[in-house]
Amino acid sequence: MLNAKKIEQLAEQITNAIPPGVKNIADNVEEKVKAVLQAKLTQLDVVSREEFDVQTQVLARTRAKLEQLEAIVEELKNK
Protein backbone atom coordinates (compact mmCIF):
# COMPACT_ATOMS: atom_id res chain seq x y z
CA MET A 1 0.00 0.00 0.00
CA LEU A 2 2.66 2.50 0.98
CA ASN A 3 5.96 2.91 -0.79
CA ALA A 4 8.58 1.21 1.40
CA LYS A 5 11.42 3.21 -0.17
CA LYS A 6 9.78 6.50 0.82
CA ILE A 7 9.37 5.27 4.40
CA GLU A 8 13.01 4.15 4.51
CA GLN A 9 14.17 7.53 3.14
CA LEU A 10 12.10 9.42 5.69
CA ALA A 11 13.34 7.20 8.53
CA GLU A 12 16.93 7.71 7.35
CA GLN A 13 16.48 11.50 7.25
CA ILE A 14 15.12 11.47 10.78
CA THR A 15 17.97 9.24 11.93
CA ASN A 16 20.55 11.52 10.28
CA ALA A 17 19.07 14.51 12.10
CA ILE A 18 19.79 12.88 15.48
CA PRO A 19 23.07 14.05 17.08
CA PRO A 20 25.94 11.51 16.96
CA GLY A 21 25.99 11.06 20.74
CA VAL A 22 22.37 10.00 20.75
CA LYS A 23 22.96 7.62 17.82
CA ASN A 24 25.55 5.76 19.88
CA ILE A 25 23.02 5.19 22.66
CA ALA A 26 20.55 3.48 20.36
CA ASP A 27 22.13 1.60 17.45
CA ASN A 28 18.76 0.60 16.03
CA VAL A 29 17.08 4.02 16.00
CA GLU A 30 16.48 3.83 12.25
CA GLU A 31 14.68 0.49 12.53
CA LYS A 32 12.55 1.79 15.38
CA VAL A 33 11.69 4.93 13.44
CA LYS A 34 10.75 2.83 10.40
CA ALA A 35 8.52 0.61 12.49
CA VAL A 36 6.75 3.56 14.11
CA LEU A 37 6.32 5.36 10.78
CA GLN A 38 5.01 2.24 9.08
CA ALA A 39 2.53 1.60 11.90
CA LYS A 40 1.26 5.18 11.92
CA LEU A 41 1.10 5.57 8.15
CA THR A 42 -0.93 2.40 7.77
CA GLN A 43 -3.50 3.90 10.13
CA LEU A 44 -4.03 6.85 7.78
CA ASP A 45 -6.83 6.72 5.25
CA VAL A 46 -4.63 7.03 2.15
CA VAL A 47 -4.25 5.24 -1.16
CA SER A 48 -1.17 4.61 -3.22
CA ARG A 49 -0.45 6.69 -6.30
CA GLU A 50 -1.15 3.63 -8.45
CA GLU A 51 -4.59 3.17 -6.88
CA PHE A 52 -5.32 6.86 -7.31
CA ASP A 53 -4.34 6.76 -11.00
CA VAL A 54 -6.50 3.68 -11.62
CA GLN A 55 -9.51 5.34 -9.97
CA THR A 56 -8.91 8.51 -12.00
CA GLN A 57 -9.03 6.46 -15.20
CA VAL A 58 -12.20 4.68 -14.06
CA LEU A 59 -13.80 8.04 -13.29
CA ALA A 60 -12.85 9.42 -16.72
CA ARG A 61 -14.39 6.39 -18.48
CA THR A 62 -17.51 6.63 -16.34
CA ARG A 63 -17.82 10.34 -17.08
CA ALA A 64 -17.52 9.67 -20.83
CA LYS A 65 -20.22 6.98 -20.68
CA LEU A 66 -22.48 9.31 -18.70
CA GLU A 67 -22.07 12.03 -21.31
CA GLN A 68 -22.97 9.54 -24.05
CA LEU A 69 -26.06 8.42 -22.17
CA GLU A 70 -27.11 12.02 -21.52
CA ALA A 71 -26.81 12.74 -25.23
CA ILE A 72 -28.95 9.70 -26.06
CA VAL A 73 -31.58 10.70 -23.49
CA GLU A 74 -31.66 14.25 -24.86
CA GLU A 75 -32.03 12.90 -28.39
CA LEU A 76 -34.90 10.65 -27.32
CA LYS A 77 -36.63 13.56 -25.58
CA ASN A 78 -36.45 15.63 -28.75
CA LYS A 79 -38.18 12.93 -30.83
PDB file of N, CA and C in Angstrom:
ATOM      1  N   MET A   1       0.819  -1.181   0.000  1.00  0.00           N
ATOM      2  CA  MET A   1       0.000   0.000   0.000  1.00  0.00           C
ATOM      3  C   MET A   1       0.873   1.259   0.000  1.00  0.00           C
ATOM      4  N   LEU A   2       1.788   1.341   0.908  1.00  0.00           N
ATOM      5  CA  LEU A   2       2.660   2.500   0.980  1.00  0.00           C
ATOM      6  C   LEU A   2       4.021   2.144   0.415  1.00  0.00           C
ATOM      7  N   ASN A   3       4.669   3.111  -0.165  1.00  0.00           N
ATOM      8  CA  ASN A   3       5.962   2.907  -0.785  1.00  0.00           C
ATOM      9  C   ASN A   3       7.027   2.726   0.302  1.00  0.00           C
ATOM     10  N   ALA A   4       7.589   1.534   0.366  1.00  0.00           N
ATOM     11  CA  ALA A   4       8.576   1.207   1.399  1.00  0.00           C
ATOM     12  C   ALA A   4       9.835   2.060   1.262  1.00  0.00           C
ATOM     13  N   LYS A   5      10.222   2.394   0.032  1.00  0.00           N
ATOM     14  CA  LYS A   5      11.423   3.214  -0.167  1.00  0.00           C
ATOM     15  C   LYS A   5      11.240   4.599   0.435  1.00  0.00           C
ATOM     16  N   LYS A   6      10.050   5.174   0.261  1.00  0.00           N
ATOM     17  CA  LYS A   6       9.776   6.501   0.821  1.00  0.00           C
ATOM     18  C   LYS A   6       9.865   6.458   2.343  1.00  0.00           C
ATOM     19  N   ILE A   7       9.334   5.408   2.945  1.00  0.00           N
ATOM     20  CA  ILE A   7       9.374   5.272   4.399  1.00  0.00           C
ATOM     21  C   ILE A   7      10.814   5.135   4.866  1.00  0.00           C
ATOM     22  N   GLU A   8      11.594   4.328   4.145  1.00  0.00           N
ATOM     23  CA  GLU A   8      13.005   4.154   4.506  1.00  0.00           C
ATOM     24  C   GLU A   8      13.768   5.473   4.386  1.00  0.00           C
ATOM     25  N   GLN A   9      13.493   6.243   3.328  1.00  0.00           N
ATOM     26  CA  GLN A   9      14.171   7.526   3.144  1.00  0.00           C
ATOM     27  C   GLN A   9      13.808   8.489   4.271  1.00  0.00           C
ATOM     28  N   LEU A  10      12.534   8.535   4.619  1.00  0.00           N
ATOM     29  CA  LEU A  10      12.096   9.418   5.692  1.00  0.00           C
ATOM     30  C   LEU A  10      12.722   9.000   7.022  1.00  0.00           C
ATOM     31  N   ALA A  11      12.736   7.696   7.294  1.00  0.00           N
ATOM     32  CA  ALA A  11      13.345   7.201   8.527  1.00  0.00           C
ATOM     33  C   ALA A  11      14.835   7.523   8.559  1.00  0.00           C
ATOM     34  N   GLU A  12      15.503   7.407   7.413  1.00  0.00           N
ATOM     35  CA  GLU A  12      16.934   7.709   7.347  1.00  0.00           C
ATOM     36  C   GLU A  12      17.187   9.195   7.594  1.00  0.00           C
ATOM     37  N   GLN A  13      16.330  10.054   7.030  1.00  0.00           N
ATOM     38  CA  GLN A  13      16.478  11.498   7.251  1.00  0.00           C
ATOM     39  C   GLN A  13      16.312  11.842   8.727  1.00  0.00           C
ATOM     40  N   ILE A  14      15.333  11.225   9.359  1.00  0.00           N
ATOM     41  CA  ILE A  14      15.118  11.471  10.785  1.00  0.00           C
ATOM     42  C   ILE A  14      16.318  10.985  11.576  1.00  0.00           C
ATOM     43  N   THR A  15      16.813   9.802  11.235  1.00  0.00           N
ATOM     44  CA  THR A  15      17.971   9.245  11.928  1.00  0.00           C
ATOM     45  C   THR A  15      19.194  10.136  11.752  1.00  0.00           C
ATOM     46  N   ASN A  16      19.401  10.654  10.542  1.00  0.00           N
ATOM     47  CA  ASN A  16      20.555  11.523  10.280  1.00  0.00           C
ATOM     48  C   ASN A  16      20.468  12.843  11.037  1.00  0.00           C
ATOM     49  N   ALA A  17      19.260  13.251  11.370  1.00  0.00           N
ATOM     50  CA  ALA A  17      19.075  14.510  12.103  1.00  0.00           C
ATOM     51  C   ALA A  17      19.390  14.361  13.591  1.00  0.00           C
ATOM     52  N   ILE A  18      19.502  13.128  14.060  1.00  0.00           N
ATOM     53  CA  ILE A  18      19.791  12.883  15.476  1.00  0.00           C
ATOM     54  C   ILE A  18      21.287  13.109  15.724  1.00  0.00           C
ATOM     55  N   PRO A  19      21.642  13.816  16.772  1.00  0.00           N
ATOM     56  CA  PRO A  19      23.065  14.054  17.079  1.00  0.00           C
ATOM     57  C   PRO A  19      23.837  12.739  17.260  1.00  0.00           C
ATOM     58  N   PRO A  20      25.134  12.735  16.888  1.00  0.00           N
ATOM     59  CA  PRO A  20      25.936  11.506  16.957  1.00  0.00           C
ATOM     60  C   PRO A  20      25.947  10.857  18.337  1.00  0.00           C
ATOM     61  N   GLY A  21      25.971  11.637  19.391  1.00  0.00           N
ATOM     62  CA  GLY A  21      25.985  11.064  20.738  1.00  0.00           C
ATOM     63  C   GLY A  21      24.743  10.240  21.016  1.00  0.00           C
ATOM     64  N   VAL A  22      23.629  10.719  20.542  1.00  0.00           N
ATOM     65  CA  VAL A  22      22.366   9.999  20.749  1.00  0.00           C
ATOM     66  C   VAL A  22      22.335   8.725  19.902  1.00  0.00           C
ATOM     67  N   LYS A  23      22.912   8.791  18.693  1.00  0.00           N
ATOM     68  CA  LYS A  23      22.957   7.617  17.822  1.00  0.00           C
ATOM     69  C   LYS A  23      23.696   6.466  18.502  1.00  0.00           C
ATOM     70  N   ASN A  24      24.765   6.799  19.211  1.00  0.00           N
ATOM     71  CA  ASN A  24      25.551   5.762  19.878  1.00  0.00           C
ATOM     72  C   ASN A  24      24.749   5.073  20.973  1.00  0.00           C
ATOM     73  N   ILE A  25      23.833   5.775  21.594  1.00  0.00           N
ATOM     74  CA  ILE A  25      23.018   5.187  22.663  1.00  0.00           C
ATOM     75  C   ILE A  25      22.082   4.128  22.096  1.00  0.00           C
ATOM     76  N   ALA A  26      21.505   4.428  20.954  1.00  0.00           N
ATOM     77  CA  ALA A  26      20.553   3.484  20.355  1.00  0.00           C
ATOM     78  C   ALA A  26      20.994   3.154  18.931  1.00  0.00           C
ATOM     79  N   ASP A  27      21.615   1.995  18.757  1.00  0.00           N
ATOM     80  CA  ASP A  27      22.126   1.595  17.449  1.00  0.00           C
ATOM     81  C   ASP A  27      21.004   1.322  16.452  1.00  0.00           C
ATOM     82  N   ASN A  28      19.844   0.976  16.927  1.00  0.00           N
ATOM     83  CA  ASN A  28      18.756   0.600  16.025  1.00  0.00           C
ATOM     84  C   ASN A  28      17.662   1.667  15.943  1.00  0.00           C
ATOM     85  N   VAL A  29      18.057   2.922  16.062  1.00  0.00           N
ATOM     86  CA  VAL A  29      17.079   4.017  15.997  1.00  0.00           C
ATOM     87  C   VAL A  29      16.358   3.997  14.650  1.00  0.00           C
ATOM     88  N   GLU A  30      17.093   3.807  13.577  1.00  0.00           N
ATOM     89  CA  GLU A  30      16.483   3.835  12.251  1.00  0.00           C
ATOM     90  C   GLU A  30      15.399   2.768  12.116  1.00  0.00           C
ATOM     91  N   GLU A  31      15.673   1.555  12.607  1.00  0.00           N
ATOM     92  CA  GLU A  31      14.684   0.486  12.527  1.00  0.00           C
ATOM     93  C   GLU A  31      13.445   0.818  13.364  1.00  0.00           C
ATOM     94  N   LYS A  32      13.678   1.402  14.532  1.00  0.00           N
ATOM     95  CA  LYS A  32      12.552   1.786  15.385  1.00  0.00           C
ATOM     96  C   LYS A  32      11.716   2.878  14.726  1.00  0.00           C
ATOM     97  N   VAL A  33      12.394   3.845  14.119  1.00  0.00           N
ATOM     98  CA  VAL A  33      11.686   4.929  13.440  1.00  0.00           C
ATOM     99  C   VAL A  33      10.872   4.369  12.275  1.00  0.00           C
ATOM    100  N   LYS A  34      11.475   3.459  11.507  1.00  0.00           N
ATOM    101  CA  LYS A  34      10.754   2.829  10.396  1.00  0.00           C
ATOM    102  C   LYS A  34       9.507   2.121  10.886  1.00  0.00           C
ATOM    103  N   ALA A  35       9.656   1.367  11.958  1.00  0.00           N
ATOM    104  CA  ALA A  35       8.524   0.612  12.491  1.00  0.00           C
ATOM    105  C   ALA A  35       7.399   1.539  12.944  1.00  0.00           C
ATOM    106  N   VAL A  36       7.770   2.609  13.629  1.00  0.00           N
ATOM    107  CA  VAL A  36       6.750   3.558  14.105  1.00  0.00           C
ATOM    108  C   VAL A  36       6.087   4.258  12.926  1.00  0.00           C
ATOM    109  N   LEU A  37       6.894   4.696  11.959  1.00  0.00           N
ATOM    110  CA  LEU A  37       6.323   5.359  10.783  1.00  0.00           C
ATOM    111  C   LEU A  37       5.389   4.426  10.022  1.00  0.00           C
ATOM    112  N   GLN A  38       5.831   3.206   9.816  1.00  0.00           N
ATOM    113  CA  GLN A  38       5.011   2.235   9.084  1.00  0.00           C
ATOM    114  C   GLN A  38       3.687   2.012   9.805  1.00  0.00           C
ATOM    115  N   ALA A  39       3.745   1.840  11.117  1.00  0.00           N
ATOM    116  CA  ALA A  39       2.532   1.603  11.897  1.00  0.00           C
ATOM    117  C   ALA A  39       1.582   2.790  11.810  1.00  0.00           C
ATOM    118  N   LYS A  40       2.111   3.990  11.953  1.00  0.00           N
ATOM    119  CA  LYS A  40       1.259   5.184  11.925  1.00  0.00           C
ATOM    120  C   LYS A  40       0.729   5.477  10.527  1.00  0.00           C
ATOM    121  N   LEU A  41       1.550   5.299   9.509  1.00  0.00           N
ATOM    122  CA  LEU A  41       1.104   5.569   8.148  1.00  0.00           C
ATOM    123  C   LEU A  41       0.032   4.589   7.687  1.00  0.00           C
ATOM    124  N   THR A  42       0.095   3.360   8.153  1.00  0.00           N
ATOM    125  CA  THR A  42      -0.932   2.397   7.766  1.00  0.00           C
ATOM    126  C   THR A  42      -2.274   2.720   8.420  1.00  0.00           C
ATOM    127  N   GLN A  43      -2.255   3.500   9.479  1.00  0.00           N
ATOM    128  CA  GLN A  43      -3.504   3.900  10.129  1.00  0.00           C
ATOM    129  C   GLN A  43      -4.194   5.037   9.377  1.00  0.00           C
ATOM    130  N   LEU A  44      -3.452   5.747   8.536  1.00  0.00           N
ATOM    131  CA  LEU A  44      -4.028   6.853   7.782  1.00  0.00           C
ATOM    132  C   LEU A  44      -4.920   6.321   6.667  1.00  0.00           C
ATOM    133  N   ASP A  45      -5.912   7.101   6.314  1.00  0.00           N
ATOM    134  CA  ASP A  45      -6.831   6.720   5.248  1.00  0.00           C
ATOM    135  C   ASP A  45      -6.293   7.262   3.928  1.00  0.00           C
ATOM    136  N   VAL A  46      -5.273   6.584   3.385  1.00  0.00           N
ATOM    137  CA  VAL A  46      -4.632   7.030   2.152  1.00  0.00           C
ATOM    138  C   VAL A  46      -4.593   5.879   1.147  1.00  0.00           C
ATOM    139  N   VAL A  47      -4.407   6.240  -0.102  1.00  0.00           N
ATOM    140  CA  VAL A  47      -4.248   5.243  -1.156  1.00  0.00           C
ATOM    141  C   VAL A  47      -2.915   5.483  -1.851  1.00  0.00           C
ATOM    142  N   SER A  48      -2.428   4.451  -2.491  1.00  0.00           N
ATOM    143  CA  SER A  48      -1.169   4.605  -3.224  1.00  0.00           C
ATOM    144  C   SER A  48      -1.407   5.420  -4.487  1.00  0.00           C
ATOM    145  N   ARG A  49      -0.350   5.919  -5.056  1.00  0.00           N
ATOM    146  CA  ARG A  49      -0.451   6.694  -6.304  1.00  0.00           C
ATOM    147  C   ARG A  49      -1.038   5.825  -7.406  1.00  0.00           C
ATOM    148  N   GLU A  50      -0.635   4.555  -7.437  1.00  0.00           N
ATOM    149  CA  GLU A  50      -1.147   3.630  -8.453  1.00  0.00           C
ATOM    150  C   GLU A  50      -2.661   3.477  -8.322  1.00  0.00           C
ATOM    151  N   GLU A  51      -3.152   3.283  -7.098  1.00  0.00           N
ATOM    152  CA  GLU A  51      -4.588   3.166  -6.878  1.00  0.00           C
ATOM    153  C   GLU A  51      -5.314   4.447  -7.285  1.00  0.00           C
ATOM    154  N   PHE A  52      -4.726   5.583  -6.964  1.00  0.00           N
ATOM    155  CA  PHE A  52      -5.319   6.864  -7.312  1.00  0.00           C
ATOM    156  C   PHE A  52      -5.428   7.006  -8.831  1.00  0.00           C
ATOM    157  N   ASP A  53      -4.340   6.653  -9.545  1.00  0.00           N
ATOM    158  CA  ASP A  53      -4.342   6.757 -11.004  1.00  0.00           C
ATOM    159  C   ASP A  53      -5.382   5.836 -11.633  1.00  0.00           C
ATOM    160  N   VAL A  54      -5.509   4.624 -11.104  1.00  0.00           N
ATOM    161  CA  VAL A  54      -6.504   3.682 -11.618  1.00  0.00           C
ATOM    162  C   VAL A  54      -7.911   4.249 -11.426  1.00  0.00           C
ATOM    163  N   GLN A  55      -8.186   4.782 -10.238  1.00  0.00           N
ATOM    164  CA  GLN A  55      -9.509   5.335  -9.972  1.00  0.00           C
ATOM    165  C   GLN A  55      -9.783   6.570 -10.827  1.00  0.00           C
ATOM    166  N   THR A  56      -8.754   7.353 -11.124  1.00  0.00           N
ATOM    167  CA  THR A  56      -8.911   8.515 -11.997  1.00  0.00           C
ATOM    168  C   THR A  56      -9.310   8.067 -13.393  1.00  0.00           C
ATOM    169  N   GLN A  57      -8.693   6.996 -13.885  1.00  0.00           N
ATOM    170  CA  GLN A  57      -9.032   6.462 -15.204  1.00  0.00           C
ATOM    171  C   GLN A  57     -10.453   5.914 -15.215  1.00  0.00           C
ATOM    172  N   VAL A  58     -10.836   5.214 -14.157  1.00  0.00           N
ATOM    173  CA  VAL A  58     -12.201   4.680 -14.064  1.00  0.00           C
ATOM    174  C   VAL A  58     -13.204   5.827 -14.084  1.00  0.00           C
ATOM    175  N   LEU A  59     -12.911   6.877 -13.328  1.00  0.00           N
ATOM    176  CA  LEU A  59     -13.798   8.036 -13.294  1.00  0.00           C
ATOM    177  C   LEU A  59     -13.915   8.687 -14.664  1.00  0.00           C
ATOM    178  N   ALA A  60     -12.824   8.807 -15.385  1.00  0.00           N
ATOM    179  CA  ALA A  60     -12.847   9.416 -16.722  1.00  0.00           C
ATOM    180  C   ALA A  60     -13.707   8.586 -17.671  1.00  0.00           C
ATOM    181  N   ARG A  61     -13.563   7.260 -17.626  1.00  0.00           N
ATOM    182  CA  ARG A  61     -14.388   6.391 -18.481  1.00  0.00           C
ATOM    183  C   ARG A  61     -15.861   6.492 -18.105  1.00  0.00           C
ATOM    184  N   THR A  62     -16.130   6.520 -16.812  1.00  0.00           N
ATOM    185  CA  THR A  62     -17.510   6.626 -16.344  1.00  0.00           C
ATOM    186  C   THR A  62     -18.118   7.958 -16.774  1.00  0.00           C
ATOM    187  N   ARG A  63     -17.343   9.017 -16.671  1.00  0.00           N
ATOM    188  CA  ARG A  63     -17.819  10.340 -17.081  1.00  0.00           C
ATOM    189  C   ARG A  63     -18.140  10.360 -18.575  1.00  0.00           C
ATOM    190  N   ALA A  64     -17.296   9.731 -19.383  1.00  0.00           N
ATOM    191  CA  ALA A  64     -17.522   9.674 -20.831  1.00  0.00           C
ATOM    192  C   ALA A  64     -18.798   8.892 -21.144  1.00  0.00           C
ATOM    193  N   LYS A  65     -19.001   7.772 -20.466  1.00  0.00           N
ATOM    194  CA  LYS A  65     -20.220   6.981 -20.678  1.00  0.00           C
ATOM    195  C   LYS A  65     -21.454   7.769 -20.266  1.00  0.00           C
ATOM    196  N   LEU A  66     -21.359   8.494 -19.157  1.00  0.00           N
ATOM    197  CA  LEU A  66     -22.479   9.306 -18.695  1.00  0.00           C
ATOM    198  C   LEU A  66     -22.832  10.374 -19.723  1.00  0.00           C
ATOM    199  N   GLU A  67     -21.818  11.014 -20.289  1.00  0.00           N
ATOM    200  CA  GLU A  67     -22.065  12.032 -21.306  1.00  0.00           C
ATOM    201  C   GLU A  67     -22.741  11.425 -22.529  1.00  0.00           C
ATOM    202  N   GLN A  68     -22.324  10.219 -22.924  1.00  0.00           N
ATOM    203  CA  GLN A  68     -22.967   9.539 -24.050  1.00  0.00           C
ATOM    204  C   GLN A  68     -24.431   9.250 -23.740  1.00  0.00           C
ATOM    205  N   LEU A  69     -24.686   8.736 -22.554  1.00  0.00           N
ATOM    206  CA  LEU A  69     -26.061   8.420 -22.169  1.00  0.00           C
ATOM    207  C   LEU A  69     -26.921   9.680 -22.082  1.00  0.00           C
ATOM    208  N   GLU A  70     -26.362  10.765 -21.572  1.00  0.00           N
ATOM    209  CA  GLU A  70     -27.109  12.022 -21.516  1.00  0.00           C
ATOM    210  C   GLU A  70     -27.468  12.502 -22.912  1.00  0.00           C
ATOM    211  N   ALA A  71     -26.545  12.334 -23.852  1.00  0.00           N
ATOM    212  CA  ALA A  71     -26.813  12.743 -25.234  1.00  0.00           C
ATOM    213  C   ALA A  71     -27.926  11.881 -25.825  1.00  0.00           C
ATOM    214  N   ILE A  72     -27.906  10.599 -25.542  1.00  0.00           N
ATOM    215  CA  ILE A  72     -28.951   9.701 -26.060  1.00  0.00           C
ATOM    216  C   ILE A  72     -30.300  10.072 -25.456  1.00  0.00           C
ATOM    217  N   VAL A  73     -30.327  10.322 -24.161  1.00  0.00           N
ATOM    218  CA  VAL A  73     -31.583  10.701 -23.492  1.00  0.00           C
ATOM    219  C   VAL A  73     -32.106  12.002 -24.084  1.00  0.00           C
ATOM    220  N   GLU A  74     -31.250  12.972 -24.294  1.00  0.00           N
ATOM    221  CA  GLU A  74     -31.661  14.254 -24.861  1.00  0.00           C
ATOM    222  C   GLU A  74     -32.211  14.061 -26.262  1.00  0.00           C
ATOM    223  N   GLU A  75     -31.577  13.194 -27.034  1.00  0.00           N
ATOM    224  CA  GLU A  75     -32.033  12.902 -28.395  1.00  0.00           C
ATOM    225  C   GLU A  75     -33.414  12.251 -28.374  1.00  0.00           C
ATOM    226  N   LEU A  76     -33.608  11.322 -27.432  1.00  0.00           N
ATOM    227  CA  LEU A  76     -34.896  10.654 -27.323  1.00  0.00           C
ATOM    228  C   LEU A  76     -36.000  11.624 -26.881  1.00  0.00           C
ATOM    229  N   LYS A  77     -35.657  12.556 -26.017  1.00  0.00           N
ATOM    230  CA  LYS A  77     -36.629  13.563 -25.580  1.00  0.00           C
ATOM    231  C   LYS A  77     -37.083  14.445 -26.742  1.00  0.00           C
ATOM    232  N   ASN A  78     -36.138  14.755 -27.625  1.00  0.00           N
ATOM    233  CA  ASN A  78     -36.446  15.634 -28.748  1.00  0.00           C
ATOM    234  C   ASN A  78     -37.278  14.953 -29.816  1.00  0.00           C
ATOM    235  N   LYS A  79     -37.400  13.664 -29.812  1.00  0.00           N
ATOM    236  CA  LYS A  79     -38.181  12.932 -30.831  1.00  0.00           C
ATOM    237  C   LYS A  79     -39.640  12.906 -30.501  1.00  0.00           C
TER     238      LYS A  79
END
